[in-house]
Amino acid sequence: MKGTGTFLRRKYAAQYLLQTYGFGAERTLAKAVVTGNGPQYQKAGRIVLYTRDALDSWALSKISAPRRSSSEQSE
C-alpha cells in the first residue's frame, strides 16, 4: 500500500481503516474534517494527513462494547 510512511493521505487512511477495522471511507473522512467528528489530522498545504495512531484512536472510539441483542442500551 502506498502511503505507508509516518503520515497517510486521505485515500490511504480510508484503505487502512477498511482493512484494519472493516469500515471507513474516503468521503467520510473528508466530511469529518469539516464537521470535526473525525480523527485528528495535520495539514501540509492543502493536503490532509493522518497518523495511524490517530486513525486507530478514532476507529476504536466508534466501536461499541460487545452486545448480545440489538435491544440492549448503548453506554
C-alpha atoms as a PDB file:
ATOM      1  CA  MET A   1       0.000   0.000   0.000  1.00  0.00           C
ATOM      2  CA  LYS A   2       1.343   3.417  -0.874  1.00  0.00           C
ATOM      3  CA  GLY A   3       1.420   5.975   1.892  1.00  0.00           C
ATOM      4  CA  THR A   4       2.954   3.624   4.461  1.00  0.00           C
ATOM      5  CA  GLY A   5       5.258   6.315   5.870  1.00  0.00           C
ATOM      6  CA  THR A   6       4.596   8.320   9.005  1.00  0.00           C
ATOM      7  CA  PHE A   7       1.555  10.048   7.513  1.00  0.00           C
ATOM      8  CA  LEU A   8      -1.273   8.744   5.356  1.00  0.00           C
ATOM      9  CA  ARG A   9      -3.193  10.813   2.842  1.00  0.00           C
ATOM     10  CA  ARG A  10      -6.984  10.532   2.964  1.00  0.00           C
ATOM     11  CA  LYS A  11      -7.258   7.797   0.315  1.00  0.00           C
ATOM     12  CA  TYR A  12      -4.759   5.554   2.074  1.00  0.00           C
ATOM     13  CA  ALA A  13      -6.160   6.392   5.506  1.00  0.00           C
ATOM     14  CA  ALA A  14      -9.563   5.130   4.330  1.00  0.00           C
ATOM     15  CA  GLN A  15      -7.962   1.953   2.954  1.00  0.00           C
ATOM     16  CA  TYR A  16      -6.141   1.417   6.243  1.00  0.00           C
ATOM     17  CA  LEU A  17      -9.364   1.803   8.232  1.00  0.00           C
ATOM     18  CA  LEU A  18     -11.245  -0.565   5.934  1.00  0.00           C
ATOM     19  CA  GLN A  19      -8.531  -3.241   6.081  1.00  0.00           C
ATOM     20  CA  THR A  20      -7.983  -2.909   9.821  1.00  0.00           C
ATOM     21  CA  TYR A  21     -11.495  -2.285  11.194  1.00  0.00           C
ATOM     22  CA  GLY A  22     -13.862  -3.136   8.361  1.00  0.00           C
ATOM     23  CA  PHE A  23     -15.196   0.397   7.995  1.00  0.00           C
ATOM     24  CA  GLY A  24     -14.016   3.762   6.802  1.00  0.00           C
ATOM     25  CA  ALA A  25     -14.493   5.683   3.601  1.00  0.00           C
ATOM     26  CA  GLU A  26     -12.613   8.492   1.945  1.00  0.00           C
ATOM     27  CA  ARG A  27     -15.784  10.607   1.793  1.00  0.00           C
ATOM     28  CA  THR A  28     -16.459  10.012   5.491  1.00  0.00           C
ATOM     29  CA  LEU A  29     -13.004  11.318   6.351  1.00  0.00           C
ATOM     30  CA  ALA A  30     -13.476  14.320   4.048  1.00  0.00           C
ATOM     31  CA  LYS A  31     -16.755  15.252   5.702  1.00  0.00           C
ATOM     32  CA  ALA A  32     -15.299  14.692   9.170  1.00  0.00           C
ATOM     33  CA  VAL A  33     -12.643  17.349   8.502  1.00  0.00           C
ATOM     34  CA  VAL A  34     -15.466  19.860   8.018  1.00  0.00           C
ATOM     35  CA  THR A  35     -17.688  18.699  10.910  1.00  0.00           C
ATOM     36  CA  GLY A  36     -14.900  17.939  13.385  1.00  0.00           C
ATOM     37  CA  ASN A  37     -16.168  14.397  14.025  1.00  0.00           C
ATOM     38  CA  GLY A  38     -13.200  12.558  12.564  1.00  0.00           C
ATOM     39  CA  PRO A  39      -9.712  11.572  13.563  1.00  0.00           C
ATOM     40  CA  GLN A  40      -7.116  14.197  14.365  1.00  0.00           C
ATOM     41  CA  TYR A  41      -5.169  15.291  11.330  1.00  0.00           C
ATOM     42  CA  GLN A  42      -2.413  17.602  10.220  1.00  0.00           C
ATOM     43  CA  LYS A  43      -2.054  19.544   7.010  1.00  0.00           C
ATOM     44  CA  ALA A  44       0.762  20.031   4.535  1.00  0.00           C
ATOM     45  CA  GLY A  45      -0.537  22.924   2.490  1.00  0.00           C
ATOM     46  CA  ARG A  46      -3.949  21.764   1.267  1.00  0.00           C
ATOM     47  CA  ILE A  47      -3.254  18.087   1.895  1.00  0.00           C
ATOM     48  CA  VAL A  48      -4.810  16.442   4.951  1.00  0.00           C
ATOM     49  CA  LEU A  49      -2.538  13.892   6.634  1.00  0.00           C
ATOM     50  CA  TYR A  50      -3.375  11.285   9.274  1.00  0.00           C
ATOM     51  CA  THR A  51      -1.218   9.156  11.557  1.00  0.00           C
ATOM     52  CA  ARG A  52      -2.110   5.533  12.156  1.00  0.00           C
ATOM     53  CA  ASP A  53      -2.365   6.290  15.893  1.00  0.00           C
ATOM     54  CA  ALA A  54      -4.990   8.975  15.233  1.00  0.00           C
ATOM     55  CA  LEU A  55      -6.923   6.659  12.902  1.00  0.00           C
ATOM     56  CA  ASP A  56      -6.779   3.806  15.428  1.00  0.00           C
ATOM     57  CA  SER A  57      -7.979   6.016  18.299  1.00  0.00           C
ATOM     58  CA  TRP A  58     -10.864   7.375  16.243  1.00  0.00           C
ATOM     59  CA  ALA A  59     -11.938   3.970  14.920  1.00  0.00           C
ATOM     60  CA  LEU A  60     -11.841   2.352  18.351  1.00  0.00           C
ATOM     61  CA  SER A  61     -13.942   5.201  19.782  1.00  0.00           C
ATOM     62  CA  LYS A  62     -16.634   4.375  17.192  1.00  0.00           C
ATOM     63  CA  ILE A  63     -16.856   0.683  18.121  1.00  0.00           C
ATOM     64  CA  SER A  64     -19.371  -0.187  20.840  1.00  0.00           C
ATOM     65  CA  ALA A  65     -18.954  -2.640  23.663  1.00  0.00           C
ATOM     66  CA  PRO A  66     -19.969  -6.238  22.897  1.00  0.00           C
ATOM     67  CA  ARG A  67     -23.734  -6.899  22.882  1.00  0.00           C
ATOM     68  CA  ARG A  68     -25.929  -9.965  22.835  1.00  0.00           C
ATOM     69  CA  SER A  69     -29.054  -8.270  21.498  1.00  0.00           C
ATOM     70  CA  SER A  70     -29.894  -5.242  19.369  1.00  0.00           C
ATOM     71  CA  SER A  71     -32.328  -4.181  22.095  1.00  0.00           C
ATOM     72  CA  GLU A  72     -29.535  -3.601  24.627  1.00  0.00           C
ATOM     73  CA  GLN A  73     -28.938   0.030  25.524  1.00  0.00           C
ATOM     74  CA  SER A  74     -25.656   1.562  24.415  1.00  0.00           C
ATOM     75  CA  GLU A  75     -23.495   3.071  27.120  1.00  0.00           C
END
